[in-house]
C-alpha atoms as a PDB file:
ATOM      1  CA  MET A   1       0.000   0.000   0.000  1.00  0.00           C
ATOM      2  CA  GLU A   2       1.195   3.467  -0.848  1.00  0.00           C
ATOM      3  CA  LYS A   3       1.927   5.919   1.959  1.00  0.00           C
ATOM      4  CA  THR A   4      -0.453   8.854   2.075  1.00  0.00           C
ATOM      5  CA  ARG A   5      -0.830  11.975   4.154  1.00  0.00           C
ATOM      6  CA  ALA A   6      -4.196  13.585   4.841  1.00  0.00           C
ATOM      7  CA  THR A   7      -5.253  16.288   7.249  1.00  0.00           C
ATOM      8  CA  GLY A   8      -8.596  17.487   8.496  1.00  0.00           C
ATOM      9  CA  ARG A   9     -10.461  19.280  11.239  1.00  0.00           C
ATOM     10  CA  CYS A  10     -13.868  19.715  12.766  1.00  0.00           C
ATOM     11  CA  LEU A  11     -16.088  22.491  11.441  1.00  0.00           C
ATOM     12  CA  CYS A  12     -15.001  25.064  14.046  1.00  0.00           C
ATOM     13  CA  GLY A  13     -11.308  24.069  13.856  1.00  0.00           C
ATOM     14  CA  ALA A  14     -10.920  23.127  17.532  1.00  0.00           C
ATOM     15  CA  VAL A  15      -9.968  19.515  16.696  1.00  0.00           C
ATOM     16  CA  THR A  16      -7.379  18.661  14.055  1.00  0.00           C
ATOM     17  CA  TYR A  17      -5.941  15.386  12.815  1.00  0.00           C
ATOM     18  CA  GLU A  18      -3.380  14.014  10.402  1.00  0.00           C
ATOM     19  CA  VAL A  19      -3.209  10.565   8.830  1.00  0.00           C
ATOM     20  CA  ARG A  20       0.363   9.436   8.137  1.00  0.00           C
ATOM     21  CA  GLY A  21      -0.325   6.215   6.306  1.00  0.00           C
ATOM     22  CA  PRO A  22      -2.747   4.552   3.931  1.00  0.00           C
ATOM     23  CA  LEU A  23      -6.481   5.151   4.104  1.00  0.00           C
ATOM     24  CA  ARG A  24      -9.020   2.455   3.405  1.00  0.00           C
ATOM     25  CA  ASP A  25     -11.344   3.191   0.498  1.00  0.00           C
ATOM     26  CA  VAL A  26     -14.434   5.160   1.478  1.00  0.00           C
ATOM     27  CA  ILE A  27     -17.342   2.911   2.359  1.00  0.00           C
ATOM     28  CA  VAL A  28     -20.997   3.827   2.510  1.00  0.00           C
ATOM     29  CA  CYS A  29     -23.022   2.283   5.315  1.00  0.00           C
ATOM     30  CA  HIS A  30     -26.809   2.142   5.564  1.00  0.00           C
ATOM     31  CA  CYS A  31     -27.072   0.338   8.927  1.00  0.00           C
ATOM     32  CA  VAL A  32     -29.459   1.659  11.557  1.00  0.00           C
ATOM     33  CA  GLU A  33     -26.682   2.839  13.844  1.00  0.00           C
ATOM     34  CA  CYS A  34     -24.797   4.802  11.161  1.00  0.00           C
ATOM     35  CA  ARG A  35     -28.031   6.409   9.979  1.00  0.00           C
ATOM     36  CA  ARG A  36     -28.896   7.453  13.541  1.00  0.00           C
ATOM     37  CA  TRP A  37     -25.442   8.906  14.237  1.00  0.00           C
ATOM     38  CA  ALA A  38     -25.187  10.762  10.928  1.00  0.00           C
ATOM     39  CA  GLY A  39     -28.825  11.574  10.276  1.00  0.00           C
ATOM     40  CA  SER A  40     -28.325   9.953   6.865  1.00  0.00           C
ATOM     41  CA  ILE A  41     -26.218   7.182   5.406  1.00  0.00           C
ATOM     42  CA  GLY A  42     -22.629   7.162   6.629  1.00  0.00           C
ATOM     43  CA  ALA A  43     -19.579   7.575   4.397  1.00  0.00           C
ATOM     44  CA  PHE A  44     -16.340   6.653   6.127  1.00  0.00           C
ATOM     45  CA  ALA A  45     -12.662   5.973   5.578  1.00  0.00           C
ATOM     46  CA  ALA A  46     -10.337   4.398   8.115  1.00  0.00           C
ATOM     47  CA  THR A  47      -6.683   4.034   8.957  1.00  0.00           C
ATOM     48  CA  ARG A  48      -4.667   2.128  11.532  1.00  0.00           C
ATOM     49  CA  ALA A  49      -4.452   3.749  14.958  1.00  0.00           C
ATOM     50  CA  GLU A  50      -0.671   4.116  14.684  1.00  0.00           C
ATOM     51  CA  HIS A  51      -1.116   6.218  11.512  1.00  0.00           C
ATOM     52  CA  LEU A  52      -3.498   8.718  13.139  1.00  0.00           C
ATOM     53  CA  VAL A  53      -2.071  11.812  14.843  1.00  0.00           C
ATOM     54  CA  MET A  54      -4.602  13.902  16.741  1.00  0.00           C
ATOM     55  CA  GLY A  55      -4.109  17.578  17.550  1.00  0.00           C
ATOM     56  CA  GLU A  56      -5.855  19.126  20.549  1.00  0.00           C
ATOM     57  CA  THR A  57      -8.564  16.756  21.793  1.00  0.00           C
ATOM     58  CA  ALA A  58      -9.899  18.579  24.878  1.00  0.00           C
ATOM     59  CA  THR A  59     -13.116  19.506  23.044  1.00  0.00           C
ATOM     60  CA  LEU A  60     -13.898  15.922  21.968  1.00  0.00           C
ATOM     61  CA  ARG A  61     -16.699  13.961  23.586  1.00  0.00           C
ATOM     62  CA  TRP A  62     -16.374  10.195  23.026  1.00  0.00           C
ATOM     63  CA  ILE A  63     -19.554   8.135  22.893  1.00  0.00           C
ATOM     64  CA  ASP A  64     -19.803   4.334  22.732  1.00  0.00           C
ATOM     65  CA  SER A  65     -21.668   2.952  19.730  1.00  0.00           C
ATOM     66  CA  PRO A  66     -24.107   0.672  21.556  1.00  0.00           C
ATOM     67  CA  GLU A  67     -24.774  -1.747  18.688  1.00  0.00           C
ATOM     68  CA  SER A  68     -21.153  -2.034  17.515  1.00  0.00           C
ATOM     69  CA  HIS A  69     -19.821  -5.576  17.641  1.00  0.00           C
ATOM     70  CA  ARG A  70     -16.279  -4.092  17.551  1.00  0.00           C
ATOM     71  CA  ARG A  71     -16.885  -1.820  20.567  1.00  0.00           C
ATOM     72  CA  ALA A  72     -16.507   1.257  18.361  1.00  0.00           C
ATOM     73  CA  GLN A  73     -16.629   4.781  19.698  1.00  0.00           C
ATOM     74  CA  ARG A  74     -17.499   8.026  17.934  1.00  0.00           C
ATOM     75  CA  ALA A  75     -16.132  11.424  18.830  1.00  0.00           C
ATOM     76  CA  PHE A  76     -17.915  14.752  18.525  1.00  0.00           C
ATOM     77  CA  CYS A  77     -16.519  18.245  18.961  1.00  0.00           C
ATOM     78  CA  VAL A  78     -18.376  20.038  21.722  1.00  0.00           C
ATOM     79  CA  SER A  79     -16.667  23.377  21.206  1.00  0.00           C
END
């Protein structure tokens, strides 16, 4: 897999991140949980934890995804 570098942030800019490795292709999910979290279908990419570098995270609120068989969590900026 080719090395990639991607950056992003929340809408207000309080939370930033950088991916220093490959990203999985974007997937579209129609499951009940993704639709409830997103208010629509979900479109997601992923990377390995060791490739993700988070900036300031004090404004993140982590919430368990109750129906996730992988014990996933989702983070939301509360700034």
